[in-house]
């Protein structure tokens, strides 16, 4: 996965869960599953001719919007191929949700934060993938509840923050002393 990305070998955790790489990651999983015999020869032929997947394609497919063209074409090959494709998509999103939840839990544990319900950790959410992929949102919410709230007794609040990266960068530039 890291070879075809910006700065190969760096930021591997982020690349395993970031929306910018999710379509590419899922495409790699499809290719690996095809090599391992997980799909019919007909689907493997279609997959070999397919261009890399944008993340939106995966989100549209799992959300059932009808806007997914490449994945719907693959799924239409056969019932068993659709089932395998659905299971693989679900597993990839489950993995992303688990990595996201565990990363947030690790930060809360390290900071010893969110121990009191009256002072929850504020988790700022920004990103098209989270916003547009309802399946991923549900998986993250479920795992956050299971591992952060119930298993660790931590309290948090998720807040949508449009353009947080842009605003944070601007604030950092303003408060950083010039050299």
Foldseek 3Di string as FASTA:
>chain_A
DQPPDPPRPPPVLCLLQPLQNLQVVLLVVVQVCVVVVQADPVLNVLSVPDDGGRSVLLLCVVVVVPPNDSVVVSLVPDVSSVVSSNVSSLVSLLVNLLSVLVVVQVVCVVVVAQQDQVGAAEAEDEDDNCVRRPSSVVSNVVVNCVVVCPVPVGGYDYDYDYPPVVVVVVVCVVPDDDD
